[in-house]
Amino acid sequence: MYGFIGCLAIGFVLSLLGSIVLFLAQLALFAILYGLGTVVSLVGTGFLMGFGTQLKLMFKPVRIIATLVFLGSIGLVFVGAFVIRSDVLCIIFVIIEYLAYSWYSISYIPYARAAVRKAVGFL
C-alpha cells in the first residue's frame, strides 16, 4: 500500500509540475515531467495487484484498446513536444491520454462502462 500511495503522490507532483512548466513555455520539460508522472502513477497500481497480474489485466481483450490508446498517447505527447514542437497538440494528446486512462480504469468496475455509455447517450 505504501508503494502505491508513494508512486501516486510522486506521479501527481511530477504531472502537476509538468503542467506548470507548460504554461511557462517549456514544452520539452513538460513532456518529460508529465510523461514520467503518468508512468510512475501507473507503476504504482502494480503494488496493489502485482506487476505481472497488472500487465496481464491491461492487455485483456476488454481493455486492450484503451491500454494501447493510453500508452500511445503518452508517446504522442513526446512526439508533439520534441518532433512537432506544438503545445496545442501536446494538450490534445494529454486529453486523449486522460480519457483513455479513465476508460481503462472504469473497466475494472462492473457495469461502469455501460453506465457511462448510457449517461452520455451512446447506448
Protein backbone atom coordinates (compact mmCIF):
# COMPACT_ATOMS: atom_id res chain seq x y z
CA MET A 1 0.00 0.00 0.00
CA TYR A 2 2.90 2.35 0.74
CA GLY A 3 4.35 1.78 -2.73
CA PHE A 4 1.02 2.60 -4.35
CA ILE A 5 0.48 5.77 -2.32
CA GLY A 6 4.09 6.88 -2.80
CA CYS A 7 4.01 6.36 -6.56
CA LEU A 8 0.63 8.04 -6.82
CA ALA A 9 1.88 11.08 -4.90
CA ILE A 10 5.14 11.30 -6.85
CA GLY A 11 3.30 10.86 -10.15
CA PHE A 12 0.81 13.56 -9.23
CA VAL A 13 3.57 16.01 -8.25
CA LEU A 14 5.53 15.32 -11.45
CA SER A 15 2.43 15.77 -13.60
CA LEU A 16 1.49 18.94 -11.76
CA LEU A 17 5.00 20.35 -12.20
CA GLY A 18 4.81 19.41 -15.87
CA SER A 19 1.54 21.29 -16.24
CA ILE A 20 3.05 24.34 -14.57
CA VAL A 21 6.08 24.42 -16.86
CA LEU A 22 3.80 24.05 -19.88
CA PHE A 23 2.40 27.48 -19.05
CA LEU A 24 5.97 28.75 -18.83
CA ALA A 25 6.52 27.62 -22.45
CA GLN A 26 8.93 24.81 -21.51
CA LEU A 27 7.44 22.17 -23.83
CA ALA A 28 10.26 19.61 -23.58
CA LEU A 29 10.35 19.77 -19.79
CA PHE A 30 6.57 19.46 -19.73
CA ALA A 31 6.67 16.27 -21.80
CA ILE A 32 9.35 14.72 -19.60
CA LEU A 33 7.69 15.60 -16.29
CA TYR A 34 4.15 14.79 -17.38
CA GLY A 35 5.10 11.53 -19.09
CA LEU A 36 7.22 10.42 -16.16
CA GLY A 37 4.43 11.33 -13.74
CA THR A 38 1.93 9.26 -15.69
CA VAL A 39 4.23 6.24 -15.86
CA VAL A 40 5.10 6.45 -12.14
CA SER A 41 1.39 6.61 -11.27
CA LEU A 42 0.69 3.60 -13.47
CA VAL A 43 3.55 1.65 -11.90
CA GLY A 44 2.04 2.44 -8.50
CA THR A 45 -1.02 0.37 -9.30
CA GLY A 46 1.30 -2.61 -9.72
CA PHE A 47 1.88 -2.50 -5.98
CA LEU A 48 -1.81 -3.18 -5.43
CA MET A 49 -2.28 -6.23 -7.62
CA GLY A 50 1.22 -7.31 -8.55
CA PHE A 51 3.11 -6.20 -11.63
CA GLY A 52 2.65 -9.41 -13.61
CA THR A 53 -1.06 -9.50 -12.90
CA GLN A 54 -1.40 -5.87 -13.86
CA LEU A 55 0.28 -6.46 -17.23
CA LYS A 56 -1.99 -9.45 -17.91
CA LEU A 57 -5.09 -7.46 -17.00
CA MET A 58 -4.03 -4.43 -19.04
CA PHE A 59 -3.91 -6.50 -22.21
CA LYS A 60 -7.12 -8.47 -21.74
CA PRO A 61 -9.49 -8.06 -24.71
CA VAL A 62 -11.84 -5.82 -22.72
CA ARG A 63 -9.02 -3.30 -22.04
CA ILE A 64 -6.62 -3.70 -24.96
CA ILE A 65 -7.88 -0.73 -26.98
CA ALA A 66 -7.94 1.64 -24.00
CA THR A 67 -4.49 0.42 -22.95
CA LEU A 68 -2.99 0.92 -26.40
CA VAL A 69 -4.56 4.36 -26.82
CA PHE A 70 -3.35 5.33 -23.33
CA LEU A 71 0.22 4.13 -23.90
CA GLY A 72 0.26 5.54 -27.43
CA SER A 73 -0.89 8.94 -26.24
CA ILE A 74 1.98 9.04 -23.74
CA GLY A 75 4.33 8.53 -26.67
CA LEU A 76 2.47 11.11 -28.75
CA VAL A 77 2.99 13.73 -26.03
CA PHE A 78 6.74 13.25 -26.58
CA VAL A 79 6.30 13.40 -30.35
CA GLY A 80 4.25 16.58 -30.00
CA ALA A 81 6.90 18.16 -27.77
CA PHE A 82 10.16 17.03 -29.36
CA VAL A 83 9.32 16.42 -33.03
CA ILE A 84 6.38 18.66 -33.89
CA ARG A 85 7.03 21.20 -31.11
CA SER A 86 3.36 22.06 -30.69
CA ASP A 87 1.90 22.88 -27.30
CA VAL A 88 -1.63 22.60 -28.69
CA LEU A 89 -1.00 19.05 -29.91
CA CYS A 90 0.56 18.14 -26.58
CA ILE A 91 -2.56 19.31 -24.77
CA ILE A 92 -4.76 17.34 -27.18
CA PHE A 93 -2.67 14.21 -26.59
CA VAL A 94 -2.87 14.73 -22.82
CA ILE A 95 -6.67 14.97 -23.07
CA ILE A 96 -6.76 11.77 -25.13
CA GLU A 97 -4.45 10.14 -22.57
CA TYR A 98 -6.73 11.19 -19.72
CA LEU A 99 -9.86 9.90 -21.49
CA ALA A 100 -8.20 6.58 -22.40
CA TYR A 101 -6.92 6.10 -18.83
CA SER A 102 -10.38 6.90 -17.45
CA TRP A 103 -11.98 4.37 -19.82
CA TYR A 104 -9.29 1.83 -18.88
CA SER A 105 -9.82 2.45 -15.16
CA ILE A 106 -13.58 2.10 -15.17
CA SER A 107 -13.24 -1.25 -16.94
CA TYR A 108 -12.32 -2.67 -13.54
CA ILE A 109 -15.70 -1.64 -12.09
CA PRO A 110 -18.55 -3.98 -13.08
CA TYR A 111 -21.09 -2.30 -15.38
CA ALA A 112 -19.32 1.08 -15.12
CA ARG A 113 -18.68 1.34 -18.86
CA ALA A 114 -22.32 0.56 -19.60
CA ALA A 115 -23.40 3.23 -17.11
CA VAL A 116 -21.08 5.82 -18.68
CA ARG A 117 -22.29 4.95 -22.18
CA LYS A 118 -25.88 5.32 -21.05
CA ALA A 119 -25.16 8.61 -19.24
CA VAL A 120 -23.63 10.18 -22.35
CA GLY A 121 -26.22 8.68 -24.70
CA PHE A 122 -24.11 6.05 -26.52
CA LEU A 123 -26.21 3.02 -25.59
